[in-house]
Amino acid sequence: MSILKDKKYKQLFMGLLFDGIGMLSFVIPFVGEFSDIVWAPLAGWLMTRMYKGKVGQAAGAFTFLEEIIPGLDVIPSFTLMWLYTYVFKASKKGQTIEV
């Protein structure tokens, strides 16, 4: 397995994990929403570290807003960014998509 594939699937695993952490606030109604005060900036920062450049910065800002606004935690922003990076963007370039 190539290094790129290793990074690709590591990012998918980490993204699923981070999306799961973000959705944990639904486990404890009302109290869980306060955990977003801590998680939202951390999630935004993690997104910018996982995906570099302007796209990563935009995704980080989106992730921060998605996590800080109550009720939007159901949006799997890390998974969506992975899909954008490795599926949709790859198909735009005419590359084959290997899953």
Protein backbone atom coordinates (compact mmCIF):
# COMPACT_ATOMS: atom_id res chain seq x y z
CA MET A 1 0.00 0.00 0.00
CA SER A 2 1.41 3.38 -0.96
CA ILE A 3 2.06 6.25 1.46
CA LEU A 4 -0.72 8.29 -0.17
CA LYS A 5 -3.25 5.54 0.48
CA ASP A 6 -2.07 5.29 4.07
CA LYS A 7 -2.61 9.03 4.54
CA LYS A 8 -5.91 8.86 2.72
CA TYR A 9 -7.39 6.18 4.95
CA LYS A 10 -5.82 7.61 8.10
CA GLN A 11 -7.58 10.91 7.34
CA LEU A 12 -10.86 9.05 6.77
CA PHE A 13 -10.54 7.25 10.11
CA MET A 14 -9.61 10.45 11.95
CA GLY A 15 -12.45 12.34 10.25
CA LEU A 16 -15.00 9.73 11.29
CA LEU A 17 -13.64 9.84 14.84
CA PHE A 18 -13.80 13.66 14.98
CA ASP A 19 -17.33 13.70 13.52
CA GLY A 20 -18.33 11.18 16.20
CA ILE A 21 -16.85 13.36 18.93
CA GLY A 22 -18.74 16.34 17.55
CA MET A 23 -22.01 14.41 17.65
CA LEU A 24 -21.51 13.37 21.28
CA SER A 25 -23.14 16.60 22.41
CA PHE A 26 -26.48 15.04 21.42
CA VAL A 27 -26.00 12.31 24.03
CA ILE A 28 -26.61 14.69 26.93
CA PRO A 29 -29.31 17.17 25.90
CA PHE A 30 -28.64 20.85 26.75
CA VAL A 31 -25.49 20.07 28.77
CA GLY A 32 -23.81 18.60 25.72
CA GLU A 33 -24.28 21.80 23.76
CA PHE A 34 -21.98 23.59 26.22
CA SER A 35 -19.22 21.13 25.34
CA ASP A 36 -19.30 22.66 21.86
CA ILE A 37 -17.75 25.81 23.32
CA VAL A 38 -14.57 23.78 23.78
CA TRP A 39 -14.95 21.42 20.81
CA ALA A 40 -15.80 23.99 18.09
CA PRO A 41 -12.46 25.85 18.05
CA LEU A 42 -10.55 22.59 18.45
CA ALA A 43 -12.45 20.98 15.56
CA GLY A 44 -11.82 24.01 13.34
CA TRP A 45 -8.10 23.91 14.16
CA LEU A 46 -7.92 20.14 13.53
CA MET A 47 -9.55 20.60 10.13
CA THR A 48 -6.96 23.18 9.11
CA ARG A 49 -4.18 20.78 10.14
CA MET A 50 -5.65 17.83 8.26
CA TYR A 51 -6.28 19.76 5.03
CA LYS A 52 -3.79 22.45 4.05
CA GLY A 53 -4.24 25.63 2.07
CA LYS A 54 -7.23 27.87 1.50
CA VAL A 55 -9.59 24.91 1.17
CA GLY A 56 -8.52 23.66 4.60
CA GLN A 57 -8.94 27.13 6.09
CA ALA A 58 -12.43 27.43 4.64
CA ALA A 59 -13.31 23.95 5.89
CA GLY A 60 -11.94 24.88 9.33
CA ALA A 61 -14.16 27.96 9.47
CA PHE A 62 -17.17 25.95 8.33
CA THR A 63 -16.43 23.25 10.93
CA PHE A 64 -16.14 25.84 13.69
CA LEU A 65 -19.51 27.36 12.76
CA GLU A 66 -21.15 23.96 12.34
CA GLU A 67 -20.01 22.89 15.81
CA ILE A 68 -20.72 26.16 17.64
CA ILE A 69 -24.29 26.61 16.32
CA PRO A 70 -26.67 24.40 18.33
CA GLY A 71 -28.37 21.62 16.37
CA LEU A 72 -25.92 21.51 13.46
CA ASP A 73 -23.69 18.84 14.98
CA VAL A 74 -25.32 16.24 12.74
CA ILE A 75 -23.37 17.58 9.75
CA PRO A 76 -20.33 15.31 9.31
CA SER A 77 -17.97 18.08 8.18
CA PHE A 78 -14.75 16.04 8.46
CA THR A 79 -16.24 13.21 6.40
CA LEU A 80 -17.61 15.64 3.83
CA MET A 81 -14.18 17.25 3.50
CA TRP A 82 -12.59 13.82 3.01
CA LEU A 83 -15.14 13.02 0.28
CA TYR A 84 -14.46 16.37 -1.38
CA THR A 85 -10.69 15.84 -1.27
CA TYR A 86 -10.45 12.19 -2.28
CA VAL A 87 -13.60 11.50 -4.30
CA PHE A 88 -15.08 14.62 -5.90
CA LYS A 89 -11.84 16.55 -6.46
CA ALA A 90 -10.12 13.42 -7.77
CA SER A 91 -12.93 12.77 -10.26
CA LYS A 92 -12.71 16.38 -11.48
CA LYS A 93 -9.06 15.85 -12.33
CA GLY A 94 -9.93 12.70 -14.27
CA GLN A 95 -8.19 10.42 -11.81
CA THR A 96 -9.54 7.01 -11.01
CA ILE A 97 -11.14 6.70 -7.62
CA GLU A 98 -9.75 3.84 -5.57
CA VAL A 99 -11.61 2.92 -2.43
